[in-house]
C-alpha atoms as a PDB file:
ATOM      1  CA  MET A   1     -62.171  23.671 110.378  1.00  0.00           C
ATOM      2  CA  ALA A   2     -59.318  25.440 108.570  1.00  0.00           C
ATOM      3  CA  ASP A   3     -58.306  28.957 109.634  1.00  0.00           C
ATOM      4  CA  ARG A   4     -59.427  31.533 107.142  1.00  0.00           C
ATOM      5  CA  ILE A   5     -56.572  33.918 106.589  1.00  0.00           C
ATOM      6  CA  LEU A   6     -56.787  37.178 104.455  1.00  0.00           C
ATOM      7  CA  ILE A   7     -53.605  38.347 103.013  1.00  0.00           C
ATOM      8  CA  LEU A   8     -53.904  41.974 102.090  1.00  0.00           C
ATOM      9  CA  TYR A   9     -51.596  43.700  99.611  1.00  0.00           C
ATOM     10  CA  GLY A  10     -52.327  47.317  98.563  1.00  0.00           C
ATOM     11  CA  SER A  11     -49.623  48.504  96.165  1.00  0.00           C
ATOM     12  CA  TYR A  12     -50.931  49.993  92.892  1.00  0.00           C
ATOM     13  CA  ARG A  13     -47.389  50.507  91.449  1.00  0.00           C
ATOM     14  CA  SER A  14     -46.674  49.015  87.935  1.00  0.00           C
ATOM     15  CA  ASP A  15     -43.317  47.514  89.068  1.00  0.00           C
ATOM     16  CA  ARG A  16     -44.411  46.252  92.489  1.00  0.00           C
ATOM     17  CA  GLN A  17     -42.559  43.333  93.978  1.00  0.00           C
ATOM     18  CA  GLY A  18     -44.508  42.564  97.168  1.00  0.00           C
ATOM     19  CA  ILE A  19     -47.103  40.657  95.119  1.00  0.00           C
ATOM     20  CA  ARG A  20     -44.546  37.804  94.848  1.00  0.00           C
ATOM     21  CA  LEU A  21     -44.311  37.509  98.700  1.00  0.00           C
ATOM     22  CA  ALA A  22     -48.016  37.642  98.908  1.00  0.00           C
ATOM     23  CA  ASN A  23     -48.626  34.833  96.379  1.00  0.00           C
ATOM     24  CA  TYR A  24     -45.800  32.852  98.206  1.00  0.00           C
ATOM     25  CA  LEU A  25     -47.706  33.331 101.561  1.00  0.00           C
ATOM     26  CA  VAL A  26     -50.861  32.054 100.010  1.00  0.00           C
ATOM     27  CA  GLY A  27     -49.198  28.880  99.054  1.00  0.00           C
ATOM     28  CA  GLY A  28     -47.436  28.440 102.282  1.00  0.00           C
ATOM     29  CA  PHE A  29     -50.618  29.004 104.303  1.00  0.00           C
ATOM     30  CA  ALA A  30     -52.500  26.447 101.971  1.00  0.00           C
ATOM     31  CA  ALA A  31     -49.975  23.902 102.361  1.00  0.00           C
ATOM     32  CA  ARG A  32     -50.410  23.947 106.131  1.00  0.00           C
ATOM     33  CA  GLY A  33     -54.082  23.399 105.885  1.00  0.00           C
ATOM     34  CA  ALA A  34     -55.202  26.939 106.166  1.00  0.00           C
ATOM     35  CA  GLU A  35     -57.776  28.726 103.684  1.00  0.00           C
ATOM     36  CA  PRO A  36     -55.708  31.719 102.541  1.00  0.00           C
ATOM     37  CA  GLU A  37     -57.122  34.434 100.180  1.00  0.00           C
ATOM     38  CA  LEU A  38     -55.248  37.011  98.677  1.00  0.00           C
ATOM     39  CA  ILE A  39     -56.834  40.498  98.735  1.00  0.00           C
ATOM     40  CA  ASP A  40     -54.931  42.439  96.051  1.00  0.00           C
ATOM     41  CA  ALA A  41     -56.395  45.909  96.039  1.00  0.00           C
ATOM     42  CA  ARG A  42     -55.225  46.678  92.410  1.00  0.00           C
ATOM     43  CA  ALA A  43     -56.852  43.441  91.078  1.00  0.00           C
ATOM     44  CA  ILE A  44     -60.164  43.861  92.827  1.00  0.00           C
ATOM     45  CA  GLY A  45     -60.364  47.394  91.807  1.00  0.00           C
ATOM     46  CA  LEU A  46     -60.554  48.586  95.402  1.00  0.00           C
ATOM     47  CA  PRO A  47     -60.769  52.372  95.322  1.00  0.00           C
ATOM     48  CA  MET A  48     -58.184  54.435  97.051  1.00  0.00           C
ATOM     49  CA  LEU A  49     -59.527  55.261 100.456  1.00  0.00           C
ATOM     50  CA  ASP A  50     -61.660  58.338 100.164  1.00  0.00           C
ATOM     51  CA  ARG A  51     -63.978  57.353 103.185  1.00  0.00           C
ATOM     52  CA  MET A  52     -63.841  54.569 105.703  1.00  0.00           C
ATOM     53  CA  TYR A  53     -66.293  51.665 105.307  1.00  0.00           C
ATOM     54  CA  LYS A  54     -67.993  52.732 108.445  1.00  0.00           C
ATOM     55  CA  GLU A  55     -68.659  56.213 107.033  1.00  0.00           C
ATOM     56  CA  TYR A  56     -70.978  54.888 104.447  1.00  0.00           C
ATOM     57  CA  THR A  57     -74.576  54.401 105.243  1.00  0.00           C
ATOM     58  CA  LYS A  58     -75.800  50.737 104.756  1.00  0.00           C
ATOM     59  CA  GLY A  59     -75.688  49.719 101.237  1.00  0.00           C
ATOM     60  CA  GLU A  60     -73.902  52.832  99.858  1.00  0.00           C
ATOM     61  CA  ALA A  61     -70.330  51.700 100.099  1.00  0.00           C
ATOM     62  CA  PRO A  62     -68.555  50.738  96.687  1.00  0.00           C
ATOM     63  CA  PRO A  63     -69.095  47.038  95.847  1.00  0.00           C
ATOM     64  CA  ALA A  64     -65.469  46.084  96.257  1.00  0.00           C
ATOM     65  CA  LEU A  65     -65.414  47.716  99.688  1.00  0.00           C
ATOM     66  CA  GLU A  66     -68.720  46.001 100.754  1.00  0.00           C
ATOM     67  CA  ASP A  67     -67.346  42.667  99.563  1.00  0.00           C
ATOM     68  CA  LEU A  68     -63.971  43.130 101.459  1.00  0.00           C
ATOM     69  CA  ALA A  69     -65.877  44.215 104.646  1.00  0.00           C
ATOM     70  CA  GLY A  70     -67.660  40.728 104.614  1.00  0.00           C
ATOM     71  CA  LYS A  71     -64.428  38.954 104.212  1.00  0.00           C
ATOM     72  CA  ILE A  72     -62.814  40.810 107.025  1.00  0.00           C
ATOM     73  CA  ARG A  73     -65.660  40.021 109.352  1.00  0.00           C
ATOM     74  CA  ALA A  74     -65.416  36.278 108.503  1.00  0.00           C
ATOM     75  CA  ALA A  75     -61.649  35.946 108.601  1.00  0.00           C
ATOM     76  CA  ASP A  76     -59.805  34.451 111.504  1.00  0.00           C
ATOM     77  CA  SER A  77     -56.595  36.345 110.809  1.00  0.00           C
ATOM     78  CA  PHE A  78     -54.872  38.813 108.674  1.00  0.00           C
ATOM     79  CA  VAL A  79     -51.418  39.224 107.150  1.00  0.00           C
ATOM     80  CA  PHE A  80     -50.399  42.650 105.670  1.00  0.00           C
ATOM     81  CA  VAL A  81     -47.945  42.668 102.971  1.00  0.00           C
ATOM     82  CA  THR A  82     -46.250  46.167 102.700  1.00  0.00           C
ATOM     83  CA  GLY A  83     -44.103  47.367  99.940  1.00  0.00           C
ATOM     84  CA  ASP A  84     -40.527  48.725 100.313  1.00  0.00           C
ATOM     85  CA  MET A  85     -39.567  52.389  99.814  1.00  0.00           C
ATOM     86  CA  ILE A  86     -36.398  52.625  97.802  1.00  0.00           C
ATOM     87  CA  GLY A  87     -35.195  49.512  99.348  1.00  0.00           C
ATOM     88  CA  ALA A  88     -35.723  50.503 102.875  1.00  0.00           C
ATOM     89  CA  CYS A  89     -37.990  49.309 105.547  1.00  0.00           C
ATOM     90  CA  ARG A  90     -40.877  51.729 106.108  1.00  0.00           C
ATOM     91  CA  ARG A  91     -40.609  53.857 109.171  1.00  0.00           C
ATOM     92  CA  ILE A  92     -43.806  52.483 110.768  1.00  0.00           C
ATOM     93  CA  SER A  93     -42.373  49.014 110.548  1.00  0.00           C
ATOM     94  CA  ARG A  94     -39.323  49.951 112.491  1.00  0.00           C
ATOM     95  CA  THR A  95     -40.988  51.354 115.458  1.00  0.00           C
END
């Protein structure tokens, strides 16, 4: 059984560049026999986080968030692709 890998990308910027890396990772993992899926927050219409999924009562979360929660529960692993900030590594990535 192939590993189910979610590749999560959350940039909403019009000139975003990280999507290229995310798509590259999808191809790379697939070539190695995994089942990767790109979760592009902008493409699926994922709302900006107002409330955490667990804060919604059952059946009240936005449909895109409900669908994502199911995919997260079923995944074997995750890869987060984060954008750069003016060409520099984000502070959280350096620590």
